[in-house]
């Protein structure tokens, strides 16, 4: 629950969000739409606690988010961004970052859910393939599915999506969207929506304009 939440970036004279009041119900998918600069990313960063409200508060199950430690809060959510981030290491290590003590079976099941297992097992070095700097050895769709596998392995009741398909071609988008649909099942989801397919799956849509819904 957002209660009168406002936030202004230090180098700006204009609020990114002003007196935002919004509730996300357990188990629902909320799509957040609006023009560039309307505060969509700021809203997501506030939920992830990358930034803190300037005024107002964010409640989770009735508890102020600031009363939780950052590490304990990150256990409760997974995040998939529009620009996937990969480490310069193996495919296995990139997925396992979501849960360092995961079994190999758990890692493989996460990859299967993300529609990337067959691709990995078809490589000469398999899971030990180095993705190179920024994942440059992989296509955009493969990079995105790898980050989805990481999110699947991490788990958590809440899923934050900066819609992960908007930069992909039609074929890759379909495969990634299928993986996202599996990832979203049974979770509370907040998604920054750029395309109609995501909005169709949403229980509600919040439209941001001039830093307000």
N, C-alpha and C. Protein backbone atom coordinates (compact mmCIF):
# COMPACT_ATOMS: atom_id res chain seq x y z
N UNK A 1 0.85 -1.19 0.00
CA UNK A 1 0.00 0.00 0.00
C UNK A 1 0.88 1.24 0.00
N UNK A 2 0.65 2.13 -0.97
CA UNK A 2 1.30 3.43 -1.00
C UNK A 2 0.38 4.44 -0.32
N UNK A 3 0.88 5.14 0.71
CA UNK A 3 0.10 6.16 1.40
C UNK A 3 0.78 7.52 1.23
N UNK A 4 0.20 8.34 0.37
CA UNK A 4 0.68 9.72 0.15
C UNK A 4 2.19 9.76 -0.11
N UNK A 5 2.66 8.86 -0.96
CA UNK A 5 4.10 8.75 -1.21
C UNK A 5 4.54 9.78 -2.24
N UNK A 6 5.58 10.54 -1.88
CA UNK A 6 6.19 11.50 -2.79
C UNK A 6 7.69 11.25 -2.84
N UNK A 7 8.26 11.54 -4.00
CA UNK A 7 9.71 11.41 -4.15
C UNK A 7 10.22 12.37 -5.20
N UNK A 8 11.31 13.06 -4.88
CA UNK A 8 11.97 13.97 -5.82
C UNK A 8 13.45 13.60 -5.88
N UNK A 9 13.98 13.43 -7.06
CA UNK A 9 15.41 13.13 -7.20
C UNK A 9 16.24 14.35 -6.83
N UNK A 10 17.42 14.15 -6.23
CA UNK A 10 18.23 15.26 -5.73
C UNK A 10 18.56 16.33 -6.78
N UNK A 11 18.71 15.93 -8.04
CA UNK A 11 19.11 16.89 -9.08
C UNK A 11 17.90 17.45 -9.84
N UNK A 12 16.70 17.28 -9.28
CA UNK A 12 15.50 17.73 -9.96
C UNK A 12 14.69 18.67 -9.08
N UNK A 13 14.00 19.61 -9.70
CA UNK A 13 13.11 20.51 -8.95
C UNK A 13 11.66 20.04 -9.05
N UNK A 14 11.42 19.03 -9.88
CA UNK A 14 10.08 18.49 -10.09
C UNK A 14 9.97 17.11 -9.47
N UNK A 15 8.89 16.88 -8.75
CA UNK A 15 8.68 15.58 -8.10
C UNK A 15 8.50 14.48 -9.13
N UNK A 16 9.16 13.33 -8.90
CA UNK A 16 8.95 12.17 -9.77
C UNK A 16 7.62 11.50 -9.45
N UNK A 17 7.25 11.51 -8.16
CA UNK A 17 5.94 11.04 -7.72
C UNK A 17 5.41 12.03 -6.68
N UNK A 18 4.11 12.32 -6.73
CA UNK A 18 3.51 13.25 -5.79
C UNK A 18 2.27 12.63 -5.14
N UNK A 19 2.33 12.44 -3.83
CA UNK A 19 1.18 12.00 -3.04
C UNK A 19 0.48 10.79 -3.67
N UNK A 20 1.27 9.79 -3.96
CA UNK A 20 0.75 8.57 -4.58
C UNK A 20 0.01 7.72 -3.56
N UNK A 21 -1.23 7.37 -3.87
CA UNK A 21 -2.02 6.44 -3.06
C UNK A 21 -2.43 5.28 -3.95
N UNK A 22 -1.99 4.08 -3.58
CA UNK A 22 -2.21 2.93 -4.44
C UNK A 22 -2.13 1.66 -3.60
N UNK A 23 -3.00 0.71 -3.90
CA UNK A 23 -2.97 -0.58 -3.19
C UNK A 23 -2.81 -1.71 -4.19
N UNK A 24 -1.95 -2.65 -3.88
CA UNK A 24 -1.78 -3.85 -4.69
C UNK A 24 -2.22 -5.03 -3.82
N UNK A 25 -3.21 -5.75 -4.27
CA UNK A 25 -3.77 -6.84 -3.47
C UNK A 25 -2.95 -8.13 -3.64
N UNK A 26 -2.92 -8.96 -2.61
CA UNK A 26 -2.17 -10.21 -2.71
C UNK A 26 -2.65 -11.06 -3.88
N UNK A 27 -1.70 -11.56 -4.67
CA UNK A 27 -2.01 -12.47 -5.76
C UNK A 27 -2.46 -11.83 -7.04
N UNK A 28 -2.58 -10.50 -7.09
CA UNK A 28 -3.05 -9.85 -8.32
C UNK A 28 -1.88 -9.30 -9.13
N UNK A 29 -2.15 -9.06 -10.40
CA UNK A 29 -1.17 -8.41 -11.26
C UNK A 29 -1.63 -6.99 -11.53
N UNK A 30 -0.81 -6.03 -11.14
CA UNK A 30 -1.08 -4.62 -11.39
C UNK A 30 -0.16 -4.12 -12.49
N UNK A 31 -0.74 -3.64 -13.58
CA UNK A 31 0.05 -3.04 -14.66
C UNK A 31 0.14 -1.54 -14.41
N UNK A 32 1.34 -1.00 -14.55
CA UNK A 32 1.57 0.44 -14.38
C UNK A 32 1.92 1.02 -15.75
N UNK A 33 1.11 1.93 -16.24
CA UNK A 33 1.33 2.51 -17.55
C UNK A 33 1.39 4.02 -17.43
N UNK A 34 1.93 4.66 -18.46
CA UNK A 34 2.03 6.11 -18.48
C UNK A 34 3.17 6.55 -19.37
N UNK A 35 3.18 7.82 -19.76
CA UNK A 35 4.24 8.34 -20.64
C UNK A 35 5.60 8.36 -19.94
N UNK A 36 6.64 8.51 -20.72
CA UNK A 36 7.99 8.61 -20.18
C UNK A 36 8.06 9.77 -19.19
N UNK A 37 8.67 9.52 -18.03
CA UNK A 37 8.79 10.56 -17.03
C UNK A 37 7.62 10.68 -16.08
N UNK A 38 6.65 9.77 -16.19
CA UNK A 38 5.46 9.87 -15.34
C UNK A 38 5.67 9.26 -13.95
N UNK A 39 6.78 8.55 -13.74
CA UNK A 39 7.08 8.02 -12.41
C UNK A 39 7.01 6.52 -12.29
N UNK A 40 6.89 5.81 -13.42
CA UNK A 40 6.75 4.35 -13.39
C UNK A 40 7.97 3.67 -12.75
N UNK A 41 9.14 4.03 -13.23
CA UNK A 41 10.36 3.42 -12.71
C UNK A 41 10.60 3.82 -11.26
N UNK A 42 10.27 5.05 -10.91
CA UNK A 42 10.41 5.51 -9.53
C UNK A 42 9.54 4.67 -8.61
N UNK A 43 8.30 4.40 -9.03
CA UNK A 43 7.40 3.55 -8.24
C UNK A 43 8.04 2.18 -8.00
N UNK A 44 8.59 1.60 -9.05
CA UNK A 44 9.20 0.27 -8.94
C UNK A 44 10.42 0.31 -8.03
N UNK A 45 11.24 1.34 -8.17
CA UNK A 45 12.45 1.45 -7.34
C UNK A 45 12.11 1.66 -5.87
N UNK A 46 10.99 2.33 -5.61
CA UNK A 46 10.54 2.51 -4.22
C UNK A 46 10.12 1.17 -3.62
N UNK A 47 9.42 0.35 -4.38
CA UNK A 47 9.01 -0.96 -3.88
C UNK A 47 10.24 -1.83 -3.60
N UNK A 48 11.23 -1.75 -4.50
CA UNK A 48 12.45 -2.54 -4.33
C UNK A 48 13.37 -1.97 -3.25
N UNK A 49 13.07 -0.77 -2.77
CA UNK A 49 13.87 -0.05 -1.78
C UNK A 49 15.24 0.36 -2.29
N UNK A 50 15.33 0.59 -3.60
CA UNK A 50 16.54 1.21 -4.13
C UNK A 50 16.58 2.67 -3.74
N UNK A 51 15.41 3.24 -3.51
CA UNK A 51 15.26 4.61 -3.01
C UNK A 51 14.19 4.57 -1.92
N UNK A 52 14.15 5.61 -1.08
CA UNK A 52 13.16 5.68 0.01
C UNK A 52 12.23 6.87 -0.22
N UNK A 53 10.97 6.79 0.23
CA UNK A 53 10.04 7.91 0.05
C UNK A 53 10.55 9.19 0.71
N UNK A 54 10.31 10.28 0.05
CA UNK A 54 10.62 11.59 0.63
C UNK A 54 9.58 11.93 1.69
N UNK A 55 8.34 11.55 1.42
CA UNK A 55 7.26 11.68 2.39
C UNK A 55 6.24 10.58 2.13
N UNK A 56 5.38 10.34 3.11
CA UNK A 56 4.45 9.22 3.00
C UNK A 56 5.13 7.91 3.37
N UNK A 57 4.44 6.81 3.14
CA UNK A 57 5.02 5.53 3.50
C UNK A 57 4.47 4.42 2.61
N UNK A 58 5.22 3.32 2.57
CA UNK A 58 4.81 2.12 1.84
C UNK A 58 4.64 1.01 2.86
N UNK A 59 3.46 0.40 2.87
CA UNK A 59 3.16 -0.66 3.82
C UNK A 59 3.11 -2.02 3.13
N UNK A 60 3.65 -3.03 3.79
CA UNK A 60 3.56 -4.40 3.33
C UNK A 60 2.91 -5.21 4.43
N UNK A 61 1.72 -5.74 4.16
CA UNK A 61 0.95 -6.45 5.19
C UNK A 61 0.81 -5.59 6.44
N UNK A 62 0.60 -4.28 6.24
CA UNK A 62 0.37 -3.36 7.35
C UNK A 62 1.63 -2.85 8.03
N UNK A 63 2.79 -3.26 7.56
CA UNK A 63 4.05 -2.88 8.20
C UNK A 63 4.84 -1.93 7.29
N UNK A 64 5.36 -0.86 7.88
CA UNK A 64 6.14 0.10 7.12
C UNK A 64 7.38 -0.61 6.55
N UNK A 65 7.57 -0.46 5.25
CA UNK A 65 8.68 -1.14 4.57
C UNK A 65 10.03 -0.76 5.17
N UNK A 66 10.13 0.46 5.69
CA UNK A 66 11.39 0.92 6.27
C UNK A 66 11.74 0.23 7.58
N UNK A 67 10.76 -0.48 8.16
CA UNK A 67 11.04 -1.22 9.40
C UNK A 67 11.72 -2.55 9.12
N UNK A 68 11.76 -2.96 7.85
CA UNK A 68 12.43 -4.19 7.46
C UNK A 68 13.86 -3.88 7.03
N UNK A 69 14.77 -4.80 7.28
CA UNK A 69 16.11 -4.62 6.74
C UNK A 69 16.06 -4.85 5.23
N UNK A 70 16.99 -4.23 4.53
CA UNK A 70 17.01 -4.37 3.07
C UNK A 70 17.19 -5.83 2.67
N UNK A 71 18.09 -6.55 3.35
CA UNK A 71 18.35 -7.94 3.00
C UNK A 71 17.14 -8.82 3.23
N UNK A 72 16.42 -8.59 4.33
CA UNK A 72 15.24 -9.41 4.59
C UNK A 72 14.14 -9.13 3.58
N UNK A 73 14.04 -7.87 3.13
CA UNK A 73 13.01 -7.52 2.14
C UNK A 73 13.32 -8.15 0.79
N UNK A 74 14.58 -8.16 0.37
CA UNK A 74 14.91 -8.71 -0.94
C UNK A 74 14.62 -10.21 -1.04
N UNK A 75 14.50 -10.89 0.10
CA UNK A 75 14.13 -12.30 0.07
C UNK A 75 12.70 -12.50 -0.41
N UNK A 76 11.89 -11.45 -0.32
CA UNK A 76 10.46 -11.57 -0.62
C UNK A 76 10.09 -11.22 -2.05
N UNK A 77 11.03 -10.71 -2.83
CA UNK A 77 10.67 -10.35 -4.21
C UNK A 77 11.77 -10.73 -5.20
N UNK A 78 11.32 -10.96 -6.44
CA UNK A 78 12.23 -11.16 -7.56
C UNK A 78 11.97 -10.04 -8.56
N UNK A 79 12.99 -9.68 -9.33
CA UNK A 79 12.87 -8.55 -10.25
C UNK A 79 13.46 -8.92 -11.61
N UNK A 80 12.73 -8.59 -12.67
CA UNK A 80 13.22 -8.79 -14.03
C UNK A 80 13.11 -7.45 -14.74
N UNK A 81 14.24 -6.94 -15.20
CA UNK A 81 14.27 -5.63 -15.83
C UNK A 81 14.19 -5.72 -17.35
N UNK A 82 13.90 -4.58 -17.95
CA UNK A 82 13.84 -4.50 -19.41
C UNK A 82 15.20 -4.79 -20.03
N UNK A 83 16.26 -4.34 -19.36
CA UNK A 83 17.63 -4.60 -19.81
C UNK A 83 18.23 -5.66 -18.90
N UNK A 84 18.32 -6.91 -19.33
CA UNK A 84 18.82 -7.98 -18.45
C UNK A 84 20.27 -7.77 -18.07
N UNK A 85 20.59 -8.01 -16.79
CA UNK A 85 21.97 -7.88 -16.32
C UNK A 85 22.55 -9.26 -16.09
N UNK A 86 23.67 -9.53 -16.74
CA UNK A 86 24.37 -10.80 -16.55
C UNK A 86 25.80 -10.54 -16.11
N UNK A 87 26.31 -11.45 -15.28
CA UNK A 87 27.69 -11.38 -14.84
C UNK A 87 28.60 -12.05 -15.86
N UNK A 88 29.86 -11.60 -15.91
CA UNK A 88 30.85 -12.20 -16.82
C UNK A 88 31.35 -13.50 -16.19
N UNK A 89 30.49 -14.52 -16.27
CA UNK A 89 30.83 -15.83 -15.71
C UNK A 89 29.97 -16.88 -16.43
N UNK A 90 29.85 -18.06 -15.86
CA UNK A 90 29.16 -19.14 -16.55
C UNK A 90 27.64 -18.98 -16.49
N UNK A 91 26.97 -19.72 -17.36
CA UNK A 91 25.51 -19.75 -17.33
C UNK A 91 25.01 -20.22 -15.96
N UNK A 92 25.66 -21.25 -15.42
CA UNK A 92 25.23 -21.77 -14.12
C UNK A 92 25.34 -20.71 -13.03
N UNK A 93 26.46 -20.02 -12.97
CA UNK A 93 26.64 -19.02 -11.92
C UNK A 93 25.65 -17.86 -12.08
N UNK A 94 25.31 -17.51 -13.30
CA UNK A 94 24.34 -16.44 -13.52
C UNK A 94 22.95 -16.81 -13.01
N UNK A 95 22.56 -18.06 -13.21
CA UNK A 95 21.26 -18.50 -12.69
C UNK A 95 21.33 -18.70 -11.18
N UNK A 96 22.40 -19.32 -10.72
CA UNK A 96 22.55 -19.66 -9.30
C UNK A 96 22.64 -18.42 -8.41
N UNK A 97 22.93 -17.26 -8.99
CA UNK A 97 22.97 -16.02 -8.21
C UNK A 97 21.62 -15.78 -7.52
N UNK A 98 20.53 -16.31 -8.08
CA UNK A 98 19.22 -16.17 -7.46
C UNK A 98 19.08 -16.93 -6.16
N UNK A 99 19.88 -17.99 -6.00
CA UNK A 99 19.84 -18.80 -4.77
C UNK A 99 21.12 -19.61 -4.72
N UNK A 100 22.09 -19.09 -3.98
CA UNK A 100 23.44 -19.65 -4.02
C UNK A 100 23.50 -21.11 -3.58
N UNK A 101 22.62 -21.52 -2.67
CA UNK A 101 22.69 -22.89 -2.14
C UNK A 101 21.73 -23.84 -2.85
N UNK A 102 21.24 -23.44 -4.03
CA UNK A 102 20.30 -24.29 -4.77
C UNK A 102 20.98 -25.56 -5.25
N UNK A 103 20.20 -26.63 -5.32
CA UNK A 103 20.71 -27.87 -5.87
C UNK A 103 20.76 -27.77 -7.39
N UNK A 104 21.50 -28.66 -8.02
CA UNK A 104 21.57 -28.64 -9.48
C UNK A 104 20.19 -28.91 -10.08
N UNK A 105 19.42 -29.76 -9.41
CA UNK A 105 18.07 -30.05 -9.88
C UNK A 105 17.20 -28.79 -9.86
N UNK A 106 17.33 -27.98 -8.81
CA UNK A 106 16.57 -26.73 -8.72
C UNK A 106 16.99 -25.75 -9.82
N UNK A 107 18.30 -25.69 -10.08
CA UNK A 107 18.82 -24.81 -11.12
C UNK A 107 18.25 -25.21 -12.49
N UNK A 108 18.26 -26.49 -12.75
CA UNK A 108 17.77 -26.99 -14.04
C UNK A 108 16.26 -26.78 -14.18
N UNK A 109 15.52 -26.97 -13.09
CA UNK A 109 14.08 -26.77 -13.14
C UNK A 109 13.74 -25.30 -13.39
N UNK A 110 14.52 -24.39 -12.80
CA UNK A 110 14.33 -22.96 -13.05
C UNK A 110 14.57 -22.63 -14.52
N UNK A 111 15.60 -23.24 -15.08
CA UNK A 111 15.91 -23.02 -16.49
C UNK A 111 14.82 -23.60 -17.38
N UNK A 112 14.27 -24.73 -16.99
CA UNK A 112 13.18 -25.34 -17.76
C UNK A 112 11.95 -24.41 -17.75
N UNK A 113 11.62 -23.87 -16.60
CA UNK A 113 10.49 -22.94 -16.48
C UNK A 113 10.69 -21.71 -17.35
N UNK A 114 11.94 -21.28 -17.47
CA UNK A 114 12.26 -20.09 -18.25
C UNK A 114 12.49 -20.37 -19.73
N UNK A 115 12.22 -21.59 -20.17
CA UNK A 115 12.39 -21.95 -21.59
C UNK A 115 13.83 -21.79 -22.09
N UNK A 116 14.82 -22.09 -21.23
CA UNK A 116 16.21 -21.92 -21.64
C UNK A 116 17.02 -23.20 -21.44
N UNK A 117 16.45 -24.23 -20.82
CA UNK A 117 17.21 -25.44 -20.49
C UNK A 117 17.70 -26.16 -21.74
N UNK A 118 16.85 -26.34 -22.73
CA UNK A 118 17.25 -27.06 -23.94
C UNK A 118 18.41 -26.35 -24.63
N UNK A 119 18.36 -25.03 -24.66
CA UNK A 119 19.45 -24.26 -25.27
C UNK A 119 20.76 -24.51 -24.53
N UNK A 120 20.72 -24.44 -23.20
CA UNK A 120 21.94 -24.62 -22.40
C UNK A 120 22.53 -26.01 -22.60
N UNK A 121 21.66 -27.02 -22.53
CA UNK A 121 22.15 -28.40 -22.65
C UNK A 121 22.64 -28.73 -24.06
N UNK A 122 22.27 -27.91 -25.02
CA UNK A 122 22.74 -28.12 -26.39
C UNK A 122 24.08 -27.50 -26.69
N UNK A 123 24.62 -26.72 -25.76
CA UNK A 123 25.93 -26.08 -25.95
C UNK A 123 27.05 -27.07 -25.62
N UNK A 124 28.18 -26.90 -26.29
CA UNK A 124 29.32 -27.81 -26.09
C UNK A 124 29.76 -27.83 -24.63
N UNK A 125 29.83 -26.66 -24.00
CA UNK A 125 30.26 -26.59 -22.59
C UNK A 125 29.07 -26.57 -21.63
N UNK A 126 27.87 -26.64 -22.14
CA UNK A 126 26.68 -26.71 -21.31
C UNK A 126 26.60 -25.57 -20.30
N UNK A 127 26.33 -25.97 -19.06
CA UNK A 127 26.17 -24.98 -17.99
C UNK A 127 27.45 -24.18 -17.72
N UNK A 128 28.60 -24.71 -18.14
CA UNK A 128 29.87 -24.03 -17.86
C UNK A 128 30.26 -23.03 -18.95
N UNK A 129 29.36 -22.79 -19.89
CA UNK A 129 29.61 -21.79 -20.94
C UNK A 129 29.69 -20.40 -20.32
N UNK A 130 30.76 -19.68 -20.64
CA UNK A 130 30.92 -18.31 -20.17
C UNK A 130 30.12 -17.39 -21.08
N UNK A 131 29.29 -16.54 -20.48
CA UNK A 131 28.40 -15.68 -21.29
C UNK A 131 29.12 -14.45 -21.83
N UNK A 132 30.36 -14.19 -21.37
CA UNK A 132 31.16 -13.02 -21.75
C UNK A 132 30.59 -11.75 -21.13
N UNK A 133 31.28 -10.65 -21.36
CA UNK A 133 30.89 -9.37 -20.75
C UNK A 133 29.48 -8.98 -21.16
N UNK A 134 28.61 -8.74 -20.15
CA UNK A 134 27.25 -8.31 -20.42
C UNK A 134 26.40 -9.36 -21.11
N UNK A 135 26.89 -10.62 -21.13
CA UNK A 135 26.13 -11.67 -21.82
C UNK A 135 26.18 -11.55 -23.32
N UNK A 136 27.28 -10.99 -23.84
CA UNK A 136 27.37 -10.68 -25.27
C UNK A 136 27.38 -11.92 -26.17
N UNK A 137 27.62 -13.10 -25.60
CA UNK A 137 27.59 -14.32 -26.40
C UNK A 137 26.17 -14.83 -26.62
N UNK A 138 25.20 -14.20 -25.97
CA UNK A 138 23.80 -14.64 -26.05
C UNK A 138 22.96 -13.60 -26.80
N UNK A 139 21.85 -14.06 -27.35
CA UNK A 139 20.90 -13.15 -27.98
C UNK A 139 20.11 -12.42 -26.89
N UNK A 140 19.37 -11.40 -27.28
CA UNK A 140 18.56 -10.67 -26.31
C UNK A 140 17.54 -11.55 -25.63
N UNK A 141 16.89 -12.43 -26.40
CA UNK A 141 15.91 -13.34 -25.81
C UNK A 141 16.53 -14.34 -24.87
N UNK A 142 17.73 -14.83 -25.22
CA UNK A 142 18.43 -15.79 -24.34
C UNK A 142 18.86 -15.11 -23.04
N UNK A 143 19.36 -13.89 -23.14
CA UNK A 143 19.75 -13.16 -21.93
C UNK A 143 18.55 -12.96 -21.01
N UNK A 144 17.42 -12.60 -21.61
CA UNK A 144 16.25 -12.33 -20.80
C UNK A 144 15.73 -13.61 -20.14
N UNK A 145 15.75 -14.72 -20.87
CA UNK A 145 15.30 -15.98 -20.28
C UNK A 145 16.23 -16.44 -19.17
N UNK A 146 17.50 -16.13 -19.28
CA UNK A 146 18.44 -16.47 -18.21
C UNK A 146 18.13 -15.68 -16.94
N UNK A 147 17.80 -14.41 -17.08
CA UNK A 147 17.44 -13.62 -15.89
C UNK A 147 16.10 -14.07 -15.32
N UNK A 148 15.20 -14.56 -16.17
CA UNK A 148 13.94 -15.11 -15.68
C UNK A 148 14.21 -16.39 -14.88
N UNK A 149 15.11 -17.24 -15.37
CA UNK A 149 15.49 -18.44 -14.63
C UNK A 149 16.05 -18.07 -13.26
N UNK A 150 16.85 -17.03 -13.21
CA UNK A 150 17.41 -16.54 -11.94
C UNK A 150 16.28 -16.12 -11.00
N UNK A 151 15.28 -15.42 -11.54
CA UNK A 151 14.14 -14.97 -10.72
C UNK A 151 13.31 -16.15 -10.24
N UNK A 152 13.13 -17.15 -11.11
CA UNK A 152 12.40 -18.36 -10.71
C UNK A 152 13.11 -19.04 -9.54
N UNK A 153 14.42 -19.16 -9.64
CA UNK A 153 15.20 -19.82 -8.59
C UNK A 153 15.16 -19.02 -7.29
N UNK A 154 15.19 -17.71 -7.40
CA UNK A 154 15.16 -16.85 -6.21
C UNK A 154 13.85 -17.00 -5.45
N UNK A 155 12.74 -17.08 -6.17
CA UNK A 155 11.44 -17.21 -5.54
C UNK A 155 10.96 -15.89 -4.97
N UNK A 156 10.08 -15.95 -3.98
CA UNK A 156 9.50 -14.75 -3.39
C UNK A 156 8.06 -14.56 -3.81
N UNK A 157 7.28 -13.94 -2.91
CA UNK A 157 5.85 -13.77 -3.16
C UNK A 157 5.55 -12.65 -4.14
N UNK A 158 6.48 -11.73 -4.30
CA UNK A 158 6.27 -10.53 -5.11
C UNK A 158 7.21 -10.55 -6.31
N UNK A 159 6.66 -10.19 -7.47
CA UNK A 159 7.45 -10.12 -8.69
C UNK A 159 7.36 -8.72 -9.26
N UNK A 160 8.50 -8.11 -9.53
CA UNK A 160 8.57 -6.77 -10.12
C UNK A 160 9.10 -6.90 -11.53
N UNK A 161 8.33 -6.43 -12.50
CA UNK A 161 8.70 -6.55 -13.91
C UNK A 161 8.71 -5.19 -14.58
N UNK A 162 9.87 -4.82 -15.10
CA UNK A 162 9.92 -3.70 -16.06
C UNK A 162 9.84 -4.39 -17.40
N UNK A 163 8.67 -4.41 -18.00
CA UNK A 163 8.30 -5.38 -19.01
C UNK A 163 9.48 -5.84 -19.86
N UNK A 164 9.69 -7.14 -19.79
CA UNK A 164 10.94 -7.72 -20.30
C UNK A 164 10.90 -8.07 -21.78
N UNK A 165 9.81 -7.79 -22.46
CA UNK A 165 9.71 -8.22 -23.86
C UNK A 165 9.73 -7.07 -24.85
N UNK A 166 9.74 -5.83 -24.38
CA UNK A 166 9.52 -4.70 -25.28
C UNK A 166 10.66 -4.48 -26.27
N UNK A 167 11.88 -4.97 -25.95
CA UNK A 167 13.02 -4.75 -26.83
C UNK A 167 13.32 -5.95 -27.73
N UNK A 168 12.43 -6.97 -27.70
CA UNK A 168 12.70 -8.21 -28.43
C UNK A 168 11.92 -8.28 -29.73
N UNK A 169 12.42 -9.11 -30.67
CA UNK A 169 11.66 -9.36 -31.89
C UNK A 169 10.47 -10.25 -31.56
N UNK A 170 9.55 -10.40 -32.51
CA UNK A 170 8.29 -11.07 -32.25
C UNK A 170 8.47 -12.52 -31.81
N UNK A 171 9.40 -13.24 -32.45
CA UNK A 171 9.61 -14.65 -32.10
C UNK A 171 10.18 -14.79 -30.70
N UNK A 172 11.20 -13.98 -30.39
CA UNK A 172 11.79 -14.03 -29.05
C UNK A 172 10.79 -13.59 -28.00
N UNK A 173 9.96 -12.58 -28.33
CA UNK A 173 8.97 -12.07 -27.38
C UNK A 173 8.01 -13.18 -26.96
N UNK A 174 7.56 -13.99 -27.92
CA UNK A 174 6.61 -15.05 -27.61
C UNK A 174 7.19 -16.06 -26.64
N UNK A 175 8.46 -16.43 -26.83
CA UNK A 175 9.11 -17.42 -25.97
C UNK A 175 9.32 -16.83 -24.57
N UNK A 176 9.79 -15.59 -24.52
CA UNK A 176 10.02 -14.94 -23.22
C UNK A 176 8.71 -14.71 -22.49
N UNK A 177 7.66 -14.31 -23.21
CA UNK A 177 6.36 -14.08 -22.57
C UNK A 177 5.81 -15.36 -21.96
N UNK A 178 6.02 -16.49 -22.64
CA UNK A 178 5.58 -17.77 -22.08
C UNK A 178 6.31 -18.07 -20.78
N UNK A 179 7.60 -17.76 -20.73
CA UNK A 179 8.38 -17.96 -19.51
C UNK A 179 7.89 -17.03 -18.41
N UNK A 180 7.58 -15.78 -18.77
CA UNK A 180 7.08 -14.82 -17.78
C UNK A 180 5.73 -15.26 -17.22
N UNK A 181 4.88 -15.80 -18.09
CA UNK A 181 3.57 -16.25 -17.63
C UNK A 181 3.72 -17.31 -16.55
N UNK A 182 4.68 -18.22 -16.73
CA UNK A 182 4.93 -19.24 -15.71
C UNK A 182 5.46 -18.60 -14.42
N UNK A 183 6.35 -17.64 -14.58
CA UNK A 183 6.96 -16.98 -13.42
C UNK A 183 5.91 -16.20 -12.63
N UNK A 184 4.92 -15.63 -13.31
CA UNK A 184 3.91 -14.80 -12.65
C UNK A 184 2.87 -15.62 -11.89
N UNK A 185 2.73 -16.88 -12.22
CA UNK A 185 1.70 -17.72 -11.62
C UNK A 185 1.86 -17.81 -10.11
N UNK A 186 0.78 -17.48 -9.38
CA UNK A 186 0.78 -17.60 -7.93
C UNK A 186 1.48 -16.48 -7.19
N UNK A 187 1.90 -15.43 -7.90
CA UNK A 187 2.60 -14.32 -7.25
C UNK A 187 1.81 -13.02 -7.36
N UNK A 188 2.11 -12.09 -6.48
CA UNK A 188 1.68 -10.72 -6.63
C UNK A 188 2.66 -10.06 -7.59
N UNK A 189 2.14 -9.38 -8.62
CA UNK A 189 3.01 -8.86 -9.68
C UNK A 189 2.73 -7.37 -9.89
N UNK A 190 3.79 -6.59 -9.91
CA UNK A 190 3.71 -5.20 -10.37
C UNK A 190 4.54 -5.12 -11.63
N UNK A 191 3.92 -4.71 -12.74
CA UNK A 191 4.62 -4.70 -14.01
C UNK A 191 4.49 -3.35 -14.69
N UNK A 192 5.61 -2.78 -15.08
CA UNK A 192 5.59 -1.60 -15.95
C UNK A 192 5.28 -2.10 -17.35
N UNK A 193 4.14 -1.70 -17.86
CA UNK A 193 3.63 -2.27 -19.11
C UNK A 193 3.84 -1.32 -20.28
N UNK A 194 4.43 -1.87 -21.35
CA UNK A 194 4.65 -1.11 -22.58
C UNK A 194 3.81 -1.65 -23.73
N UNK A 195 3.39 -2.90 -23.60
CA UNK A 195 2.69 -3.55 -24.71
C UNK A 195 1.37 -4.13 -24.25
N UNK A 196 0.43 -4.25 -25.18
CA UNK A 196 -0.92 -4.70 -24.89
C UNK A 196 -0.99 -6.09 -24.25
N UNK A 197 -0.18 -7.10 -24.68
CA UNK A 197 -0.29 -8.43 -24.07
C UNK A 197 -0.16 -8.41 -22.54
N UNK A 198 0.71 -7.57 -22.01
CA UNK A 198 0.88 -7.50 -20.56
C UNK A 198 -0.36 -6.92 -19.89
N UNK A 199 -0.93 -5.89 -20.48
CA UNK A 199 -2.11 -5.25 -19.91
C UNK A 199 -3.28 -6.22 -19.88
N UNK A 200 -3.37 -7.07 -20.90
CA UNK A 200 -4.45 -8.06 -20.94
C UNK A 200 -4.42 -9.01 -19.75
N UNK A 201 -3.23 -9.30 -19.24
CA UNK A 201 -3.09 -10.24 -18.14
C UNK A 201 -3.30 -9.58 -16.78
N UNK A 202 -3.40 -8.27 -16.74
CA UNK A 202 -3.47 -7.55 -15.48
C UNK A 202 -4.88 -7.56 -14.89
N UNK A 203 -4.95 -7.67 -13.56
CA UNK A 203 -6.24 -7.54 -12.89
C UNK A 203 -6.68 -6.08 -12.85
N UNK A 204 -5.68 -5.17 -12.69
CA UNK A 204 -5.97 -3.74 -12.67
C UNK A 204 -4.85 -2.99 -13.39
N UNK A 205 -5.16 -1.78 -13.80
CA UNK A 205 -4.18 -0.93 -14.49
C UNK A 205 -4.11 0.42 -13.75
N UNK A 206 -2.91 0.83 -13.37
CA UNK A 206 -2.70 2.15 -12.79
C UNK A 206 -2.05 3.03 -13.86
N UNK A 207 -2.69 4.13 -14.18
CA UNK A 207 -2.19 5.05 -15.21
C UNK A 207 -1.55 6.23 -14.49
N UNK A 208 -0.24 6.42 -14.71
CA UNK A 208 0.47 7.54 -14.12
C UNK A 208 0.59 8.68 -15.13
N UNK A 209 0.33 9.89 -14.65
CA UNK A 209 0.49 11.08 -15.48
C UNK A 209 0.83 12.24 -14.55
N UNK A 210 1.84 13.02 -14.92
CA UNK A 210 2.27 14.15 -14.08
C UNK A 210 2.58 13.71 -12.66
N UNK A 211 3.22 12.51 -12.56
CA UNK A 211 3.70 11.97 -11.29
C UNK A 211 2.58 11.54 -10.35
N UNK A 212 1.35 11.42 -10.88
CA UNK A 212 0.21 10.99 -10.06
C UNK A 212 -0.64 10.01 -10.83
N UNK A 213 -1.35 9.10 -10.11
CA UNK A 213 -2.25 8.16 -10.81
C UNK A 213 -3.57 8.85 -11.17
